[in-house]
Amino acid sequence: VQLQASGGGLVQAGDSRRLSCAASRRTGRTFDNYVMAWFRQAPGKERDFVAGISWTGSTTVYDDSVKGRFTISRDDAKNTVYLQMNRLKPEDTAVYYCAARPGVGVRRYLEEFESWGQGTQVTVSS
């Protein structure tokens, strides 16, 4: 599946932002066969897990740093996964990547994902 992330930009601390990741499939699998996740990478740091969602959307997992502020969701009719980010902090500044893999349950490790979007920059000013 090919992924296209969008929605990044420059925001102020405390603001909200919604990222989108649109998927287009290259194989016979439909979007709802995929487990989705968001990762982020700050300058000079590794790419870290942010949030993940199961194939049905019934299960979501968050990194502790964003729990209670970020919400991952999916709209299979639109082949899109979202990351709603509220109460943004300067430490949320990073390039955000969406990722996909065929499966059922939530995954949270880089090596488990086979498809990646190009990334979208989120910069939070204090």
PDB file of N, CA and C in Angstrom:
ATOM      1  N   VAL A   1       0.841  -1.171   0.000  1.00  0.00           N
ATOM      2  CA  VAL A   1       0.000   0.000   0.000  1.00  0.00           C
ATOM      3  C   VAL A   1       0.890   1.240   0.000  1.00  0.00           C
ATOM      4  N   GLN A   2       0.483   2.273  -0.734  1.00  0.00           N
ATOM      5  CA  GLN A   2       1.208   3.544  -0.749  1.00  0.00           C
ATOM      6  C   GLN A   2       0.512   4.521   0.188  1.00  0.00           C
ATOM      7  N   LEU A   3       1.320   5.272   0.935  1.00  0.00           N
ATOM      8  CA  LEU A   3       0.782   6.168   1.950  1.00  0.00           C
ATOM      9  C   LEU A   3       1.206   7.603   1.670  1.00  0.00           C
ATOM     10  N   GLN A   4       0.290   8.522   1.901  1.00  0.00           N
ATOM     11  CA  GLN A   4       0.552   9.948   1.705  1.00  0.00           C
ATOM     12  C   GLN A   4       0.083  10.690   2.945  1.00  0.00           C
ATOM     13  N   ALA A   5       1.049  11.199   3.702  1.00  0.00           N
ATOM     14  CA  ALA A   5       0.727  11.930   4.926  1.00  0.00           C
ATOM     15  C   ALA A   5       0.597  13.419   4.628  1.00  0.00           C
ATOM     16  N   SER A   6      -0.272  14.077   5.376  1.00  0.00           N
ATOM     17  CA  SER A   6      -0.471  15.511   5.217  1.00  0.00           C
ATOM     18  C   SER A   6      -0.998  16.103   6.507  1.00  0.00           C
ATOM     19  N   GLY A   7      -1.004  17.434   6.570  1.00  0.00           N
ATOM     20  CA  GLY A   7      -1.596  18.114   7.702  1.00  0.00           C
ATOM     21  C   GLY A   7      -0.615  18.788   8.638  1.00  0.00           C
ATOM     22  N   GLY A   8       0.660  18.595   8.412  1.00  0.00           N
ATOM     23  CA  GLY A   8       1.647  19.213   9.273  1.00  0.00           C
ATOM     24  C   GLY A   8       1.703  20.716   9.082  1.00  0.00           C
ATOM     25  N   GLY A   9       2.472  21.373   9.950  1.00  0.00           N
ATOM     26  CA  GLY A   9       2.627  22.814   9.846  1.00  0.00           C
ATOM     27  C   GLY A   9       3.206  23.393  11.110  1.00  0.00           C
ATOM     28  N   LEU A  10       3.191  24.717  11.175  1.00  0.00           N
ATOM     29  CA  LEU A  10       3.693  25.439  12.342  1.00  0.00           C
ATOM     30  C   LEU A  10       2.522  25.846  13.220  1.00  0.00           C
ATOM     31  N   VAL A  11       2.568  25.435  14.480  1.00  0.00           N
ATOM     32  CA  VAL A  11       1.502  25.768  15.417  1.00  0.00           C
ATOM     33  C   VAL A  11       2.122  26.280  16.709  1.00  0.00           C
ATOM     34  N   GLN A  12       1.288  26.854  17.557  1.00  0.00           N
ATOM     35  CA  GLN A  12       1.751  27.326  18.861  1.00  0.00           C
ATOM     36  C   GLN A  12       1.427  26.291  19.927  1.00  0.00           C
ATOM     37  N   ALA A  13       2.184  26.310  20.987  1.00  0.00           N
ATOM     38  CA  ALA A  13       1.937  25.413  22.105  1.00  0.00           C
ATOM     39  C   ALA A  13       0.494  25.580  22.582  1.00  0.00           C
ATOM     40  N   GLY A  14      -0.156  24.453  22.818  1.00  0.00           N
ATOM     41  CA  GLY A  14      -1.542  24.463  23.246  1.00  0.00           C
ATOM     42  C   GLY A  14      -2.545  24.314  22.117  1.00  0.00           C
ATOM     43  N   ASP A  15      -2.080  24.494  20.880  1.00  0.00           N
ATOM     44  CA  ASP A  15      -2.969  24.372  19.726  1.00  0.00           C
ATOM     45  C   ASP A  15      -3.262  22.900  19.417  1.00  0.00           C
ATOM     46  N   SER A  16      -4.172  22.713  18.476  1.00  0.00           N
ATOM     47  CA  SER A  16      -4.519  21.384  17.978  1.00  0.00           C
ATOM     48  C   SER A  16      -4.188  21.297  16.489  1.00  0.00           C
ATOM     49  N   ARG A  17      -3.979  20.058  16.049  1.00  0.00           N
ATOM     50  CA  ARG A  17      -3.682  19.825  14.642  1.00  0.00           C
ATOM     51  C   ARG A  17      -4.116  18.404  14.316  1.00  0.00           C
ATOM     52  N   ARG A  18      -4.648  18.211  13.092  1.00  0.00           N
ATOM     53  CA  ARG A  18      -5.003  16.865  12.683  1.00  0.00           C
ATOM     54  C   ARG A  18      -4.176  16.453  11.470  1.00  0.00           C
ATOM     55  N   LEU A  19      -3.499  15.354  11.601  1.00  0.00           N
ATOM     56  CA  LEU A  19      -2.753  14.772  10.495  1.00  0.00           C
ATOM     57  C   LEU A  19      -3.614  13.715   9.804  1.00  0.00           C
ATOM     58  N   SER A  20      -3.420  13.594   8.503  1.00  0.00           N
ATOM     59  CA  SER A  20      -4.123  12.583   7.727  1.00  0.00           C
ATOM     60  C   SER A  20      -3.115  11.728   6.969  1.00  0.00           C
ATOM     61  N   CYS A  21      -3.488  10.505   6.732  1.00  0.00           N
ATOM     62  CA  CYS A  21      -2.650   9.599   5.959  1.00  0.00           C
ATOM     63  C   CYS A  21      -3.566   8.829   5.016  1.00  0.00           C
ATOM     64  N   ALA A  22      -3.477   9.138   3.748  1.00  0.00           N
ATOM     65  CA  ALA A  22      -4.308   8.494   2.738  1.00  0.00           C
ATOM     66  C   ALA A  22      -3.568   7.323   2.129  1.00  0.00           C
ATOM     67  N   ALA A  23      -4.265   6.207   1.995  1.00  0.00           N
ATOM     68  CA  ALA A  23      -3.656   4.992   1.470  1.00  0.00           C
ATOM     69  C   ALA A  23      -4.234   4.640   0.114  1.00  0.00           C
ATOM     70  N   SER A  24      -3.359   4.193  -0.753  1.00  0.00           N
ATOM     71  CA  SER A  24      -3.794   3.654  -2.044  1.00  0.00           C
ATOM     72  C   SER A  24      -3.143   2.284  -2.178  1.00  0.00           C
ATOM     73  N   ARG A  25      -3.935   1.283  -2.470  1.00  0.00           N
ATOM     74  CA  ARG A  25      -3.395  -0.059  -2.448  1.00  0.00           C
ATOM     75  C   ARG A  25      -2.827  -0.461  -3.793  1.00  0.00           C
ATOM     76  N   ARG A  26      -1.766  -1.243  -3.713  1.00  0.00           N
ATOM     77  CA  ARG A  26      -1.123  -1.747  -4.921  1.00  0.00           C
ATOM     78  C   ARG A  26      -1.377  -3.240  -5.114  1.00  0.00           C
ATOM     79  N   THR A  27      -1.924  -3.888  -4.085  1.00  0.00           N
ATOM     80  CA  THR A  27      -2.186  -5.320  -4.187  1.00  0.00           C
ATOM     81  C   THR A  27      -3.668  -5.558  -4.026  1.00  0.00           C
ATOM     82  N   GLY A  28      -4.050  -6.799  -3.875  1.00  0.00           N
ATOM     83  CA  GLY A  28      -5.455  -7.128  -3.737  1.00  0.00           C
ATOM     84  C   GLY A  28      -6.012  -6.829  -2.360  1.00  0.00           C
ATOM     85  N   ARG A  29      -5.151  -6.482  -1.403  1.00  0.00           N
ATOM     86  CA  ARG A  29      -5.637  -6.219  -0.053  1.00  0.00           C
ATOM     87  C   ARG A  29      -6.409  -4.911  -0.005  1.00  0.00           C
ATOM     88  N   THR A  30      -7.452  -4.878   0.771  1.00  0.00           N
ATOM     89  CA  THR A  30      -8.171  -3.638   0.998  1.00  0.00           C
ATOM     90  C   THR A  30      -7.608  -2.970   2.246  1.00  0.00           C
ATOM     91  N   PHE A  31      -7.906  -1.668   2.389  1.00  0.00           N
ATOM     92  CA  PHE A  31      -7.335  -0.881   3.470  1.00  0.00           C
ATOM     93  C   PHE A  31      -7.656  -1.481   4.824  1.00  0.00           C
ATOM     94  N   ASP A  32      -8.846  -2.072   4.969  1.00  0.00           N
ATOM     95  CA  ASP A  32      -9.220  -2.587   6.276  1.00  0.00           C
ATOM     96  C   ASP A  32      -8.492  -3.880   6.626  1.00  0.00           C
ATOM     97  N   ASN A  33      -7.620  -4.349   5.731  1.00  0.00           N
ATOM     98  CA  ASN A  33      -6.748  -5.477   6.053  1.00  0.00           C
ATOM     99  C   ASN A  33      -5.446  -5.022   6.705  1.00  0.00           C
ATOM    100  N   TYR A  34      -5.296  -3.714   6.880  1.00  0.00           N
ATOM    101  CA  TYR A  34      -4.036  -3.174   7.353  1.00  0.00           C
ATOM    102  C   TYR A  34      -4.137  -2.629   8.769  1.00  0.00           C
ATOM    103  N   VAL A  35      -3.092  -2.897   9.525  1.00  0.00           N
ATOM    104  CA  VAL A  35      -2.873  -2.263  10.818  1.00  0.00           C
ATOM    105  C   VAL A  35      -2.098  -0.978  10.542  1.00  0.00           C
ATOM    106  N   MET A  36      -2.483   0.112  11.195  1.00  0.00           N
ATOM    107  CA  MET A  36      -1.885   1.411  10.923  1.00  0.00           C
ATOM    108  C   MET A  36      -1.242   1.984  12.180  1.00  0.00           C
ATOM    109  N   ALA A  37      -0.285   2.878  11.946  1.00  0.00           N
ATOM    110  CA  ALA A  37       0.372   3.522  13.087  1.00  0.00           C
ATOM    111  C   ALA A  37       0.973   4.854  12.660  1.00  0.00           C
ATOM    112  N   TRP A  38       1.223   5.674  13.648  1.00  0.00           N
ATOM    113  CA  TRP A  38       1.973   6.915  13.463  1.00  0.00           C
ATOM    114  C   TRP A  38       3.261   6.839  14.276  1.00  0.00           C
ATOM    115  N   PHE A  39       4.350   7.291  13.649  1.00  0.00           N
ATOM    116  CA  PHE A  39       5.638   7.430  14.307  1.00  0.00           C
ATOM    117  C   PHE A  39       6.087   8.870  14.142  1.00  0.00           C
ATOM    118  N   ARG A  40       7.087   9.269  14.889  1.00  0.00           N
ATOM    119  CA  ARG A  40       7.651  10.603  14.708  1.00  0.00           C
ATOM    120  C   ARG A  40       9.149  10.572  14.941  1.00  0.00           C
ATOM    121  N   GLN A  41       9.825  11.518  14.297  1.00  0.00           N
ATOM    122  CA  GLN A  41      11.274  11.599  14.415  1.00  0.00           C
ATOM    123  C   GLN A  41      11.688  13.054  14.571  1.00  0.00           C
ATOM    124  N   ALA A  42      12.236  13.348  15.725  1.00  0.00           N
ATOM    125  CA  ALA A  42      12.760  14.682  15.989  1.00  0.00           C
ATOM    126  C   ALA A  42      14.202  14.766  15.484  1.00  0.00           C
ATOM    127  N   PRO A  43      14.703  15.974  15.231  1.00  0.00           N
ATOM    128  CA  PRO A  43      16.074  16.123  14.723  1.00  0.00           C
ATOM    129  C   PRO A  43      17.093  15.451  15.632  1.00  0.00           C
ATOM    130  N   GLY A  44      17.932  14.621  15.043  1.00  0.00           N
ATOM    131  CA  GLY A  44      18.984  13.968  15.796  1.00  0.00           C
ATOM    132  C   GLY A  44      18.532  12.806  16.650  1.00  0.00           C
ATOM    133  N   LYS A  45      17.271  12.421  16.524  1.00  0.00           N
ATOM    134  CA  LYS A  45      16.739  11.337  17.344  1.00  0.00           C
ATOM    135  C   LYS A  45      16.214  10.205  16.474  1.00  0.00           C
ATOM    136  N   GLU A  46      15.938   9.090  17.120  1.00  0.00           N
ATOM    137  CA  GLU A  46      15.401   7.948  16.407  1.00  0.00           C
ATOM    138  C   GLU A  46      13.906   8.151  16.125  1.00  0.00           C
ATOM    139  N   ARG A  47      13.402   7.358  15.208  1.00  0.00           N
ATOM    140  CA  ARG A  47      11.982   7.372  14.915  1.00  0.00           C
ATOM    141  C   ARG A  47      11.250   6.565  15.980  1.00  0.00           C
ATOM    142  N   ASP A  48      10.290   7.216  16.624  1.00  0.00           N
ATOM    143  CA  ASP A  48       9.594   6.616  17.756  1.00  0.00           C
ATOM    144  C   ASP A  48       8.113   6.402  17.478  1.00  0.00           C
ATOM    145  N   PHE A  49       7.592   5.384  18.082  1.00  0.00           N
ATOM    146  CA  PHE A  49       6.159   5.085  17.994  1.00  0.00           C
ATOM    147  C   PHE A  49       5.353   6.166  18.702  1.00  0.00           C
ATOM    148  N   VAL A  50       4.241   6.568  18.087  1.00  0.00           N
ATOM    149  CA  VAL A  50       3.333   7.536  18.689  1.00  0.00           C
ATOM    150  C   VAL A  50       1.993   6.891  19.024  1.00  0.00           C
ATOM    151  N   ALA A  51       1.368   6.256  18.013  1.00  0.00           N
ATOM    152  CA  ALA A  51       0.046   5.672  18.206  1.00  0.00           C
ATOM    153  C   ALA A  51      -0.191   4.595  17.159  1.00  0.00           C
ATOM    154  N   GLY A  52      -1.001   3.610  17.530  1.00  0.00           N
ATOM    155  CA  GLY A  52      -1.327   2.543  16.604  1.00  0.00           C
ATOM    156  C   GLY A  52      -2.789   2.172  16.707  1.00  0.00           C
ATOM    157  N   ILE A  53      -3.328   1.607  15.632  1.00  0.00           N
ATOM    158  CA  ILE A  53      -4.742   1.241  15.597  1.00  0.00           C
ATOM    159  C   ILE A  53      -4.885  -0.100  14.895  1.00  0.00           C
ATOM    160  N   SER A  54      -5.778  -0.922  15.421  1.00  0.00           N
ATOM    161  CA  SER A  54      -5.997  -2.248  14.856  1.00  0.00           C
ATOM    162  C   SER A  54      -6.781  -2.171  13.553  1.00  0.00           C
ATOM    163  N   TRP A  55      -6.927  -3.314  12.900  1.00  0.00           N
ATOM    164  CA  TRP A  55      -7.571  -3.322  11.595  1.00  0.00           C
ATOM    165  C   TRP A  55      -9.032  -2.916  11.657  1.00  0.00           C
ATOM    166  N   THR A  56      -9.696  -3.172  12.770  1.00  0.00           N
ATOM    167  CA  THR A  56     -11.099  -2.788  12.899  1.00  0.00           C
ATOM    168  C   THR A  56     -11.259  -1.406  13.520  1.00  0.00           C
ATOM    169  N   GLY A  57     -10.171  -0.888  14.082  1.00  0.00           N
ATOM    170  CA  GLY A  57     -10.262   0.385  14.790  1.00  0.00           C
ATOM    171  C   GLY A  57     -10.720   0.240  16.225  1.00  0.00           C
ATOM    172  N   SER A  58     -10.959  -0.975  16.653  1.00  0.00           N
ATOM    173  CA  SER A  58     -11.487  -1.185  17.999  1.00  0.00           C
ATOM    174  C   SER A  58     -10.424  -1.080  19.088  1.00  0.00           C
ATOM    175  N   THR A  59      -9.167  -1.226  18.689  1.00  0.00           N
ATOM    176  CA  THR A  59      -8.060  -1.160  19.646  1.00  0.00           C
ATOM    177  C   THR A  59      -7.074  -0.089  19.229  1.00  0.00           C
ATOM    178  N   THR A  60      -6.725   0.762  20.174  1.00  0.00           N
ATOM    179  CA  THR A  60      -5.715   1.790  19.942  1.00  0.00           C
ATOM    180  C   THR A  60      -4.688   1.746  21.062  1.00  0.00           C
ATOM    181  N   VAL A  61      -3.466   2.087  20.721  1.00  0.00           N
ATOM    182  CA  VAL A  61      -2.365   2.109  21.684  1.00  0.00           C
ATOM    183  C   VAL A  61      -1.601   3.408  21.486  1.00  0.00           C
ATOM    184  N   TYR A  62      -1.165   4.000  22.599  1.00  0.00           N
ATOM    185  CA  TYR A  62      -0.459   5.271  22.543  1.00  0.00           C
ATOM    186  C   TYR A  62       0.835   5.215  23.350  1.00  0.00           C
ATOM    187  N   ASP A  63       1.808   5.972  22.891  1.00  0.00           N
ATOM    188  CA  ASP A  63       2.980   6.177  23.713  1.00  0.00           C
ATOM    189  C   ASP A  63       2.573   7.041  24.902  1.00  0.00           C
ATOM    190  N   ASP A  64       3.224   6.840  26.026  1.00  0.00           N
ATOM    191  CA  ASP A  64       2.863   7.587  27.225  1.00  0.00           C
ATOM    192  C   ASP A  64       2.988   9.096  27.029  1.00  0.00           C
ATOM    193  N   SER A  65       3.884   9.527  26.177  1.00  0.00           N
ATOM    194  CA  SER A  65       4.127  10.958  25.997  1.00  0.00           C
ATOM    195  C   SER A  65       2.951  11.683  25.338  1.00  0.00           C
ATOM    196  N   VAL A  66       2.059  10.930  24.680  1.00  0.00           N
ATOM    197  CA  VAL A  66       0.937  11.566  23.979  1.00  0.00           C
ATOM    198  C   VAL A  66      -0.409  11.101  24.498  1.00  0.00           C
ATOM    199  N   LYS A  67      -0.400  10.159  25.412  1.00  0.00           N
ATOM    200  CA  LYS A  67      -1.653   9.603  25.921  1.00  0.00           C
ATOM    201  C   LYS A  67      -2.499  10.696  26.552  1.00  0.00           C
ATOM    202  N   GLY A  68      -3.770  10.738  26.166  1.00  0.00           N
ATOM    203  CA  GLY A  68      -4.675  11.760  26.674  1.00  0.00           C
ATOM    204  C   GLY A  68      -4.696  13.033  25.853  1.00  0.00           C
ATOM    205  N   ARG A  69      -3.719  13.181  24.958  1.00  0.00           N
ATOM    206  CA  ARG A  69      -3.675  14.378  24.096  1.00  0.00           C
ATOM    207  C   ARG A  69      -3.897  14.042  22.620  1.00  0.00           C
ATOM    208  N   PHE A  70      -3.421  12.904  22.186  1.00  0.00           N
ATOM    209  CA  PHE A  70      -3.529  12.494  20.784  1.00  0.00           C
ATOM    210  C   PHE A  70      -4.558  11.378  20.644  1.00  0.00           C
ATOM    211  N   THR A  71      -5.220  11.355  19.485  1.00  0.00           N
ATOM    212  CA  THR A  71      -6.183  10.304  19.177  1.00  0.00           C
ATOM    213  C   THR A  71      -5.972   9.809  17.758  1.00  0.00           C
ATOM    214  N   ILE A  72      -5.792   8.513  17.618  1.00  0.00           N
ATOM    215  CA  ILE A  72      -5.676   7.909  16.293  1.00  0.00           C
ATOM    216  C   ILE A  72      -7.030   7.315  15.919  1.00  0.00           C
ATOM    217  N   SER A  73      -7.391   7.463  14.662  1.00  0.00           N
ATOM    218  CA  SER A  73      -8.655   6.907  14.182  1.00  0.00           C
ATOM    219  C   SER A  73      -8.497   6.547  12.708  1.00  0.00           C
ATOM    220  N   ARG A  74      -9.462   5.824  12.190  1.00  0.00           N
ATOM    221  CA  ARG A  74      -9.400   5.431  10.785  1.00  0.00           C
ATOM    222  C   ARG A  74     -10.785   5.492  10.174  1.00  0.00           C
ATOM    223  N   ASP A  75     -10.810   5.802   8.884  1.00  0.00           N
ATOM    224  CA  ASP A  75     -12.042   5.801   8.112  1.00  0.00           C
ATOM    225  C   ASP A  75     -11.774   4.907   6.904  1.00  0.00           C
ATOM    226  N   ASP A  76     -12.201   3.668   6.996  1.00  0.00           N
ATOM    227  CA  ASP A  76     -11.904   2.713   5.943  1.00  0.00           C
ATOM    228  C   ASP A  76     -12.608   3.051   4.635  1.00  0.00           C
ATOM    229  N   ALA A  77     -13.721   3.754   4.709  1.00  0.00           N
ATOM    230  CA  ALA A  77     -14.424   4.159   3.484  1.00  0.00           C
ATOM    231  C   ALA A  77     -13.595   5.160   2.688  1.00  0.00           C
ATOM    232  N   LYS A  78     -12.746   5.908   3.407  1.00  0.00           N
ATOM    233  CA  LYS A  78     -11.895   6.898   2.759  1.00  0.00           C
ATOM    234  C   LYS A  78     -10.442   6.439   2.666  1.00  0.00           C
ATOM    235  N   ASN A  79     -10.176   5.221   3.132  1.00  0.00           N
ATOM    236  CA  ASN A  79      -8.803   4.703   3.122  1.00  0.00           C
ATOM    237  C   ASN A  79      -7.838   5.668   3.805  1.00  0.00           C
ATOM    238  N   THR A  80      -8.255   6.176   4.937  1.00  0.00           N
ATOM    239  CA  THR A  80      -7.478   7.216   5.610  1.00  0.00           C
ATOM    240  C   THR A  80      -7.394   6.946   7.104  1.00  0.00           C
ATOM    241  N   VAL A  81      -6.217   7.210   7.646  1.00  0.00           N
ATOM    242  CA  VAL A  81      -6.015   7.174   9.088  1.00  0.00           C
ATOM    243  C   VAL A  81      -5.660   8.590   9.541  1.00  0.00           C
ATOM    244  N   TYR A  82      -6.118   8.947  10.728  1.00  0.00           N
ATOM    245  CA  TYR A  82      -5.929  10.297  11.245  1.00  0.00           C
ATOM    246  C   TYR A  82      -5.168  10.265  12.568  1.00  0.00           C
ATOM    247  N   LEU A  83      -4.538  11.391  12.853  1.00  0.00           N
ATOM    248  CA  LEU A  83      -3.953  11.599  14.175  1.00  0.00           C
ATOM    249  C   LEU A  83      -4.370  12.988  14.635  1.00  0.00           C
ATOM    250  N   GLN A  84      -5.317  13.013  15.550  1.00  0.00           N
ATOM    251  CA  GLN A  84      -5.762  14.269  16.137  1.00  0.00           C
ATOM    252  C   GLN A  84      -4.838  14.598  17.294  1.00  0.00           C
ATOM    253  N   MET A  85      -4.189  15.746  17.214  1.00  0.00           N
ATOM    254  CA  MET A  85      -3.217  16.148  18.232  1.00  0.00           C
ATOM    255  C   MET A  85      -3.729  17.386  18.942  1.00  0.00           C
ATOM    256  N   ASN A  86      -3.956  17.262  20.232  1.00  0.00           N
ATOM    257  CA  ASN A  86      -4.446  18.371  21.041  1.00  0.00           C
ATOM    258  C   ASN A  86      -3.396  18.767  22.081  1.00  0.00           C
ATOM    259  N   ARG A  87      -3.519  19.979  22.563  1.00  0.00           N
ATOM    260  CA  ARG A  87      -2.615  20.492  23.606  1.00  0.00           C
ATOM    261  C   ARG A  87      -1.165  20.231  23.221  1.00  0.00           C
ATOM    262  N   LEU A  88      -0.809  20.661  22.040  1.00  0.00           N
ATOM    263  CA  LEU A  88       0.531  20.400  21.530  1.00  0.00           C
ATOM    264  C   LEU A  88       1.594  21.112  22.357  1.00  0.00           C
ATOM    265  N   LYS A  89       2.749  20.452  22.450  1.00  0.00           N
ATOM    266  CA  LYS A  89       3.873  20.975  23.215  1.00  0.00           C
ATOM    267  C   LYS A  89       5.084  21.120  22.295  1.00  0.00           C
ATOM    268  N   PRO A  90       6.030  21.967  22.648  1.00  0.00           N
ATOM    269  CA  PRO A  90       7.238  22.096  21.817  1.00  0.00           C
ATOM    270  C   PRO A  90       7.956  20.756  21.610  1.00  0.00           C
ATOM    271  N   GLU A  91       7.896  19.892  22.586  1.00  0.00           N
ATOM    272  CA  GLU A  91       8.555  18.590  22.447  1.00  0.00           C
ATOM    273  C   GLU A  91       7.845  17.644  21.483  1.00  0.00           C
ATOM    274  N   ASP A  92       6.678  18.050  20.992  1.00  0.00           N
ATOM    275  CA  ASP A  92       6.009  17.268  19.947  1.00  0.00           C
ATOM    276  C   ASP A  92       6.550  17.589  18.558  1.00  0.00           C
ATOM    277  N   THR A  93       7.423  18.578  18.468  1.00  0.00           N
ATOM    278  CA  THR A  93       8.012  18.944  17.189  1.00  0.00           C
ATOM    279  C   THR A  93       8.783  17.778  16.592  1.00  0.00           C
ATOM    280  N   ALA A  94       8.416  17.412  15.367  1.00  0.00           N
ATOM    281  CA  ALA A  94       9.034  16.255  14.714  1.00  0.00           C
ATOM    282  C   ALA A  94       8.454  16.104  13.316  1.00  0.00           C
ATOM    283  N   VAL A  95       9.068  15.228  12.545  1.00  0.00           N
ATOM    284  CA  VAL A  95       8.452  14.766  11.309  1.00  0.00           C
ATOM    285  C   VAL A  95       7.597  13.557  11.675  1.00  0.00           C
ATOM    286  N   TYR A  96       6.357  13.586  11.285  1.00  0.00           N
ATOM    287  CA  TYR A  96       5.420  12.519  11.607  1.00  0.00           C
ATOM    288  C   TYR A  96       5.220  11.620  10.386  1.00  0.00           C
ATOM    289  N   TYR A  97       5.340  10.317  10.624  1.00  0.00           N
ATOM    290  CA  TYR A  97       5.215   9.317   9.575  1.00  0.00           C
ATOM    291  C   TYR A  97       4.061   8.380   9.877  1.00  0.00           C
ATOM    292  N   CYS A  98       3.292   8.054   8.848  1.00  0.00           N
ATOM    293  CA  CYS A  98       2.316   6.996   9.012  1.00  0.00           C
ATOM    294  C   CYS A  98       2.901   5.701   8.435  1.00  0.00           C
ATOM    295  N   ALA A  99       2.428   4.598   8.957  1.00  0.00           N
ATOM    296  CA  ALA A  99       2.957   3.302   8.558  1.00  0.00           C
ATOM    297  C   ALA A  99       1.833   2.276   8.518  1.00  0.00           C
ATOM    298  N   ALA A 100       2.026   1.257   7.684  1.00  0.00           N
ATOM    299  CA  ALA A 100       0.993   0.229   7.515  1.00  0.00           C
ATOM    300  C   ALA A 100       1.621  -1.146   7.379  1.00  0.00           C
ATOM    301  N   ARG A 101       0.885  -2.133   7.836  1.00  0.00           N
ATOM    302  CA  ARG A 101       1.277  -3.512   7.617  1.00  0.00           C
ATOM    303  C   ARG A 101       0.017  -4.373   7.586  1.00  0.00           C
ATOM    304  N   PRO A 102      -0.003  -5.418   6.802  1.00  0.00           N
ATOM    305  CA  PRO A 102      -1.148  -6.317   6.823  1.00  0.00           C
ATOM    306  C   PRO A 102      -1.264  -6.975   8.195  1.00  0.00           C
ATOM    307  N   GLY A 103      -2.467  -7.145   8.675  1.00  0.00           N
ATOM    308  CA  GLY A 103      -2.609  -7.807   9.959  1.00  0.00           C
ATOM    309  C   GLY A 103      -3.866  -7.422  10.675  1.00  0.00           C
ATOM    310  N   VAL A 104      -3.869  -7.766  11.975  1.00  0.00           N
ATOM    311  CA  VAL A 104      -5.073  -7.603  12.788  1.00  0.00           C
ATOM    312  C   VAL A 104      -4.811  -6.701  13.988  1.00  0.00           C
ATOM    313  N   GLY A 105      -3.856  -7.098  14.817  1.00  0.00           N
ATOM    314  CA  GLY A 105      -3.624  -6.388  16.068  1.00  0.00           C
ATOM    315  C   GLY A 105      -2.663  -5.221  15.914  1.00  0.00           C
ATOM    316  N   VAL A 106      -2.678  -4.351  16.936  1.00  0.00           N
ATOM    317  CA  VAL A 106      -1.819  -3.177  16.938  1.00  0.00           C
ATOM    318  C   VAL A 106      -0.358  -3.595  16.999  1.00  0.00           C
ATOM    319  N   ARG A 107       0.456  -2.895  16.242  1.00  0.00           N
ATOM    320  CA  ARG A 107       1.914  -3.082  16.267  1.00  0.00           C
ATOM    321  C   ARG A 107       2.558  -1.756  16.586  1.00  0.00           C
ATOM    322  N   ARG A 108       3.762  -1.817  17.207  1.00  0.00           N
ATOM    323  CA  ARG A 108       4.403  -0.581  17.609  1.00  0.00           C
ATOM    324  C   ARG A 108       5.905  -0.531  17.368  1.00  0.00           C
ATOM    325  N   TYR A 109       6.439  -1.485  16.628  1.00  0.00           N
ATOM    326  CA  TYR A 109       7.868  -1.482  16.355  1.00  0.00           C
ATOM    327  C   TYR A 109       8.136  -1.221  14.879  1.00  0.00           C
ATOM    328  N   LEU A 110       9.159  -0.389  14.639  1.00  0.00           N
ATOM    329  CA  LEU A 110       9.499   0.030  13.281  1.00  0.00           C
ATOM    330  C   LEU A 110       9.599  -1.144  12.314  1.00  0.00           C
ATOM    331  N   GLU A 111      10.301  -2.173  12.722  1.00  0.00           N
ATOM    332  CA  GLU A 111      10.593  -3.278  11.815  1.00  0.00           C
ATOM    333  C   GLU A 111       9.365  -4.103  11.464  1.00  0.00           C
ATOM    334  N   GLU A 112       8.263  -3.861  12.141  1.00  0.00           N
ATOM    335  CA  GLU A 112       7.035  -4.606  11.862  1.00  0.00           C
ATOM    336  C   GLU A 112       6.235  -4.013  10.709  1.00  0.00           C
ATOM    337  N   PHE A 113       6.621  -2.841  10.252  1.00  0.00           N
ATOM    338  CA  PHE A 113       5.839  -2.148   9.224  1.00  0.00           C
ATOM    339  C   PHE A 113       6.557  -2.192   7.884  1.00  0.00           C
ATOM    340  N   GLU A 114       5.783  -2.435   6.832  1.00  0.00           N
ATOM    341  CA  GLU A 114       6.367  -2.588   5.502  1.00  0.00           C
ATOM    342  C   GLU A 114       6.135  -1.388   4.604  1.00  0.00           C
ATOM    343  N   SER A 115       5.173  -0.546   4.943  1.00  0.00           N
ATOM    344  CA  SER A 115       4.859   0.609   4.108  1.00  0.00           C
ATOM    345  C   SER A 115       4.921   1.878   4.944  1.00  0.00           C
ATOM    346  N   TRP A 116       5.532   2.925   4.365  1.00  0.00           N
ATOM    347  CA  TRP A 116       5.707   4.195   5.069  1.00  0.00           C
ATOM    348  C   TRP A 116       5.320   5.358   4.190  1.00  0.00           C
ATOM    349  N   GLY A 117       4.703   6.367   4.813  1.00  0.00           N
ATOM    350  CA  GLY A 117       4.454   7.613   4.125  1.00  0.00           C
ATOM    351  C   GLY A 117       5.715   8.448   4.106  1.00  0.00           C
ATOM    352  N   GLN A 118       5.659   9.584   3.429  1.00  0.00           N
ATOM    353  CA  GLN A 118       6.840  10.418   3.233  1.00  0.00           C
ATOM    354  C   GLN A 118       7.131  11.321   4.428  1.00  0.00           C
ATOM    355  N   GLY A 119       6.214  11.430   5.360  1.00  0.00           N
ATOM    356  CA  GLY A 119       6.427  12.279   6.522  1.00  0.00           C
ATOM    357  C   GLY A 119       5.866  13.672   6.339  1.00  0.00           C
ATOM    358  N   THR A 120       5.386  14.224   7.436  1.00  0.00           N
ATOM    359  CA  THR A 120       4.885  15.592   7.429  1.00  0.00           C
ATOM    360  C   THR A 120       5.416  16.302   8.675  1.00  0.00           C
ATOM    361  N   GLN A 121       5.959  17.484   8.497  1.00  0.00           N
ATOM    362  CA  GLN A 121       6.620  18.210   9.583  1.00  0.00           C
ATOM    363  C   GLN A 121       5.601  18.912  10.463  1.00  0.00           C
ATOM    364  N   VAL A 122       5.732  18.709  11.757  1.00  0.00           N
ATOM    365  CA  VAL A 122       4.949  19.456  12.746  1.00  0.00           C
ATOM    366  C   VAL A 122       5.934  20.214  13.623  1.00  0.00           C
ATOM    367  N   THR A 123       5.766  21.515  13.677  1.00  0.00           N
ATOM    368  CA  THR A 123       6.627  22.362  14.500  1.00  0.00           C
ATOM    369  C   THR A 123       5.758  23.116  15.490  1.00  0.00           C
ATOM    370  N   VAL A 124       6.080  22.959  16.767  1.00  0.00           N
ATOM    371  CA  VAL A 124       5.304  23.598  17.825  1.00  0.00           C
ATOM    372  C   VAL A 124       6.175  24.654  18.481  1.00  0.00           C
ATOM    373  N   SER A 125       5.750  25.897  18.378  1.00  0.00           N
ATOM    374  CA  SER A 125       6.509  26.991  18.981  1.00  0.00           C
ATOM    375  C   SER A 125       6.000  27.275  20.389  1.00  0.00           C
ATOM    376  N   SER A 126       6.898  27.704  21.231  1.00  0.00           N
ATOM    377  CA  SER A 126       6.524  27.962  22.631  1.00  0.00           C
ATOM    378  C   SER A 126       6.046  29.387  22.835  1.00  0.00           C
TER     379      SER A 126
END
